[in-house]
Amino acid sequence: MMTVIGWLIGLSMVALMALLVVHVLFALLLIVPSWRIFERAGYSGLYALFHLVPVIGPFIVMAILAFGDWPNGEGKPAVRS
């Protein structure tokens, strides 16, 4: 009985490690373009590191870009005189 429990614990650890590796690779894939977008918008590129936060990181990045005032003004509508 103990060998079955030990085997299941080992299998779950392998699954968690695989999930962690996939998460980090996907986050690294998103960090580079997000970094450039943040810099073009006038924010610090370090905000792109929020992609490393599991589950809610990409949503934080999207919220900053969607609802924040861009310091460079690219997101502001043009003023007509």
N, C-alpha and C. Protein backbone atom coordinates (compact mmCIF):
# COMPACT_ATOMS: atom_id res chain seq x y z
N MET A 1 0.82 -1.20 0.00
CA MET A 1 0.00 0.00 0.00
C MET A 1 0.86 1.26 0.00
N MET A 2 1.94 1.23 0.76
CA MET A 2 2.80 2.41 0.83
C MET A 2 3.49 2.69 -0.50
N THR A 3 3.77 1.65 -1.27
CA THR A 3 4.42 1.89 -2.56
C THR A 3 3.48 2.60 -3.52
N VAL A 4 2.19 2.31 -3.45
CA VAL A 4 1.22 2.97 -4.32
C VAL A 4 1.10 4.44 -3.94
N ILE A 5 1.06 4.72 -2.65
CA ILE A 5 0.96 6.11 -2.20
C ILE A 5 2.23 6.88 -2.58
N GLY A 6 3.38 6.26 -2.38
CA GLY A 6 4.63 6.91 -2.76
C GLY A 6 4.70 7.16 -4.25
N TRP A 7 4.21 6.20 -5.05
CA TRP A 7 4.20 6.36 -6.50
C TRP A 7 3.29 7.50 -6.92
N LEU A 8 2.12 7.62 -6.27
CA LEU A 8 1.20 8.71 -6.61
C LEU A 8 1.77 10.07 -6.22
N ILE A 9 2.44 10.12 -5.09
CA ILE A 9 3.07 11.38 -4.68
C ILE A 9 4.17 11.76 -5.67
N GLY A 10 4.97 10.81 -6.08
CA GLY A 10 6.02 11.08 -7.05
C GLY A 10 5.46 11.53 -8.39
N LEU A 11 4.38 10.89 -8.82
CA LEU A 11 3.75 11.26 -10.09
C LEU A 11 3.16 12.67 -10.02
N SER A 12 2.57 13.01 -8.89
CA SER A 12 2.01 14.36 -8.76
C SER A 12 3.12 15.41 -8.74
N MET A 13 4.25 15.09 -8.16
CA MET A 13 5.37 16.03 -8.17
C MET A 13 5.90 16.24 -9.58
N VAL A 14 5.95 15.18 -10.37
CA VAL A 14 6.39 15.31 -11.76
C VAL A 14 5.40 16.18 -12.53
N ALA A 15 4.11 15.99 -12.30
CA ALA A 15 3.09 16.79 -12.99
C ALA A 15 3.20 18.26 -12.59
N LEU A 16 3.41 18.53 -11.30
CA LEU A 16 3.56 19.92 -10.86
C LEU A 16 4.80 20.58 -11.44
N MET A 17 5.89 19.84 -11.52
CA MET A 17 7.10 20.40 -12.10
C MET A 17 6.91 20.69 -13.59
N ALA A 18 6.22 19.79 -14.29
CA ALA A 18 5.95 20.01 -15.71
C ALA A 18 5.07 21.24 -15.89
N LEU A 19 4.08 21.41 -15.04
CA LEU A 19 3.21 22.58 -15.10
C LEU A 19 4.00 23.86 -14.83
N LEU A 20 4.90 23.81 -13.88
CA LEU A 20 5.74 24.97 -13.57
C LEU A 20 6.64 25.34 -14.75
N VAL A 21 7.23 24.34 -15.38
CA VAL A 21 8.10 24.61 -16.52
C VAL A 21 7.32 25.21 -17.68
N VAL A 22 6.13 24.68 -17.95
CA VAL A 22 5.29 25.21 -19.02
C VAL A 22 4.89 26.65 -18.72
N HIS A 23 4.54 26.92 -17.46
CA HIS A 23 4.16 28.29 -17.07
C HIS A 23 5.30 29.27 -17.27
N VAL A 24 6.49 28.91 -16.84
CA VAL A 24 7.64 29.81 -16.96
C VAL A 24 7.99 30.03 -18.43
N LEU A 25 7.95 28.98 -19.25
CA LEU A 25 8.25 29.15 -20.67
C LEU A 25 7.22 30.06 -21.36
N PHE A 26 5.95 29.88 -21.03
CA PHE A 26 4.91 30.72 -21.61
C PHE A 26 5.06 32.17 -21.14
N ALA A 27 5.39 32.37 -19.87
CA ALA A 27 5.59 33.72 -19.34
C ALA A 27 6.78 34.38 -20.02
N LEU A 28 7.86 33.65 -20.22
CA LEU A 28 9.03 34.22 -20.89
C LEU A 28 8.71 34.58 -22.33
N LEU A 29 7.84 33.83 -22.96
CA LEU A 29 7.43 34.13 -24.32
C LEU A 29 6.65 35.44 -24.38
N LEU A 30 5.89 35.75 -23.33
CA LEU A 30 5.07 36.95 -23.30
C LEU A 30 5.81 38.18 -22.77
N ILE A 31 6.88 37.98 -22.03
CA ILE A 31 7.56 39.10 -21.39
C ILE A 31 8.20 40.03 -22.41
N VAL A 32 8.85 39.51 -23.42
CA VAL A 32 9.58 40.35 -24.38
C VAL A 32 8.64 41.30 -25.12
N PRO A 33 7.55 40.82 -25.74
CA PRO A 33 6.67 41.79 -26.42
C PRO A 33 5.97 42.75 -25.45
N SER A 34 5.62 42.24 -24.28
CA SER A 34 4.97 43.11 -23.30
C SER A 34 5.92 44.21 -22.83
N TRP A 35 7.17 43.87 -22.66
CA TRP A 35 8.18 44.84 -22.24
C TRP A 35 8.24 45.99 -23.25
N ARG A 36 8.27 45.63 -24.54
CA ARG A 36 8.33 46.66 -25.59
C ARG A 36 7.08 47.51 -25.63
N ILE A 37 5.92 46.88 -25.42
CA ILE A 37 4.66 47.64 -25.41
C ILE A 37 4.64 48.62 -24.25
N PHE A 38 5.06 48.17 -23.06
CA PHE A 38 5.09 49.06 -21.91
C PHE A 38 6.03 50.24 -22.15
N GLU A 39 7.20 49.99 -22.74
CA GLU A 39 8.13 51.09 -22.99
C GLU A 39 7.58 52.06 -24.02
N ARG A 40 6.90 51.57 -25.05
CA ARG A 40 6.32 52.48 -26.05
C ARG A 40 5.18 53.30 -25.46
N ALA A 41 4.49 52.71 -24.48
CA ALA A 41 3.39 53.42 -23.84
C ALA A 41 3.88 54.42 -22.80
N GLY A 42 5.16 54.34 -22.43
CA GLY A 42 5.72 55.28 -21.47
C GLY A 42 5.83 54.72 -20.06
N TYR A 43 5.50 53.45 -19.88
CA TYR A 43 5.64 52.80 -18.58
C TYR A 43 7.01 52.15 -18.47
N SER A 44 7.35 51.72 -17.28
CA SER A 44 8.57 50.94 -17.09
C SER A 44 8.35 49.55 -17.66
N GLY A 45 9.35 49.03 -18.33
CA GLY A 45 9.26 47.69 -18.90
C GLY A 45 9.15 46.60 -17.85
N LEU A 46 9.50 46.92 -16.61
CA LEU A 46 9.44 45.93 -15.54
C LEU A 46 8.02 45.44 -15.26
N TYR A 47 7.02 46.22 -15.68
CA TYR A 47 5.65 45.77 -15.51
C TYR A 47 5.39 44.46 -16.25
N ALA A 48 6.17 44.17 -17.26
CA ALA A 48 6.00 42.93 -18.02
C ALA A 48 6.30 41.70 -17.17
N LEU A 49 7.04 41.88 -16.09
CA LEU A 49 7.35 40.75 -15.22
C LEU A 49 6.14 40.24 -14.44
N PHE A 50 5.03 40.98 -14.50
CA PHE A 50 3.81 40.47 -13.88
C PHE A 50 3.35 39.18 -14.55
N HIS A 51 3.84 38.89 -15.75
CA HIS A 51 3.49 37.64 -16.42
C HIS A 51 3.98 36.43 -15.62
N LEU A 52 4.94 36.62 -14.74
CA LEU A 52 5.45 35.51 -13.94
C LEU A 52 4.52 35.14 -12.79
N VAL A 53 3.56 36.00 -12.48
CA VAL A 53 2.59 35.69 -11.43
C VAL A 53 1.59 34.68 -11.99
N PRO A 54 1.47 33.51 -11.36
CA PRO A 54 0.58 32.49 -11.91
C PRO A 54 -0.88 32.95 -11.95
N VAL A 55 -1.57 32.57 -12.97
CA VAL A 55 -3.00 32.74 -13.24
C VAL A 55 -3.40 34.19 -13.47
N ILE A 56 -3.10 35.12 -12.56
CA ILE A 56 -3.62 36.48 -12.69
C ILE A 56 -2.63 37.46 -13.31
N GLY A 57 -1.38 37.04 -13.54
CA GLY A 57 -0.36 37.94 -14.08
C GLY A 57 -0.73 38.57 -15.41
N PRO A 58 -1.13 37.77 -16.41
CA PRO A 58 -1.50 38.38 -17.69
C PRO A 58 -2.70 39.33 -17.58
N PHE A 59 -3.60 39.04 -16.67
CA PHE A 59 -4.75 39.93 -16.47
C PHE A 59 -4.32 41.26 -15.86
N ILE A 60 -3.32 41.23 -14.99
CA ILE A 60 -2.78 42.46 -14.41
C ILE A 60 -2.15 43.31 -15.51
N VAL A 61 -1.39 42.66 -16.39
CA VAL A 61 -0.74 43.38 -17.49
C VAL A 61 -1.79 44.02 -18.40
N MET A 62 -2.81 43.24 -18.75
CA MET A 62 -3.86 43.78 -19.61
C MET A 62 -4.60 44.93 -18.95
N ALA A 63 -4.85 44.85 -17.65
CA ALA A 63 -5.56 45.91 -16.94
C ALA A 63 -4.74 47.20 -16.91
N ILE A 64 -3.44 47.07 -16.69
CA ILE A 64 -2.58 48.27 -16.67
C ILE A 64 -2.61 48.96 -18.02
N LEU A 65 -2.49 48.17 -19.08
CA LEU A 65 -2.47 48.76 -20.42
C LEU A 65 -3.84 49.27 -20.87
N ALA A 66 -4.89 48.58 -20.47
CA ALA A 66 -6.22 48.96 -20.95
C ALA A 66 -6.81 50.14 -20.19
N PHE A 67 -6.60 50.19 -18.89
CA PHE A 67 -7.28 51.19 -18.08
C PHE A 67 -6.38 52.30 -17.57
N GLY A 68 -5.08 52.20 -17.78
CA GLY A 68 -4.16 53.24 -17.33
C GLY A 68 -4.02 54.35 -18.36
N ASP A 69 -3.65 55.53 -17.88
CA ASP A 69 -3.34 56.64 -18.78
C ASP A 69 -1.90 56.47 -19.25
N TRP A 70 -1.71 56.40 -20.54
CA TRP A 70 -0.38 56.18 -21.08
C TRP A 70 0.41 57.48 -21.00
N PRO A 71 1.55 57.47 -20.32
CA PRO A 71 2.35 58.70 -20.20
C PRO A 71 2.79 59.28 -21.55
N ASN A 72 3.01 58.46 -22.56
CA ASN A 72 3.41 58.98 -23.87
C ASN A 72 2.24 59.50 -24.67
N GLY A 73 1.03 59.30 -24.20
CA GLY A 73 -0.14 59.86 -24.84
C GLY A 73 -0.65 59.09 -26.05
N GLU A 74 -0.10 57.92 -26.34
CA GLU A 74 -0.54 57.17 -27.50
C GLU A 74 -1.95 56.63 -27.34
N GLY A 75 -2.39 56.47 -26.13
CA GLY A 75 -3.72 55.93 -25.91
C GLY A 75 -4.79 56.99 -25.78
N LYS A 76 -4.40 58.26 -25.83
CA LYS A 76 -5.36 59.36 -25.66
C LYS A 76 -5.93 59.76 -27.01
N PRO A 77 -7.19 60.09 -27.06
CA PRO A 77 -7.76 60.54 -28.34
C PRO A 77 -7.17 61.90 -28.75
N ALA A 78 -7.11 62.12 -30.03
CA ALA A 78 -6.54 63.36 -30.55
C ALA A 78 -7.49 64.52 -30.26
N VAL A 79 -6.93 65.64 -29.86
CA VAL A 79 -7.71 66.83 -29.57
C VAL A 79 -7.83 67.65 -30.84
N ARG A 80 -9.06 67.93 -31.25
CA ARG A 80 -9.26 68.72 -32.47
C ARG A 80 -9.60 70.15 -32.09
N SER A 81 -9.01 71.05 -32.80
CA SER A 81 -9.28 72.47 -32.49
C SER A 81 -10.04 73.14 -33.61
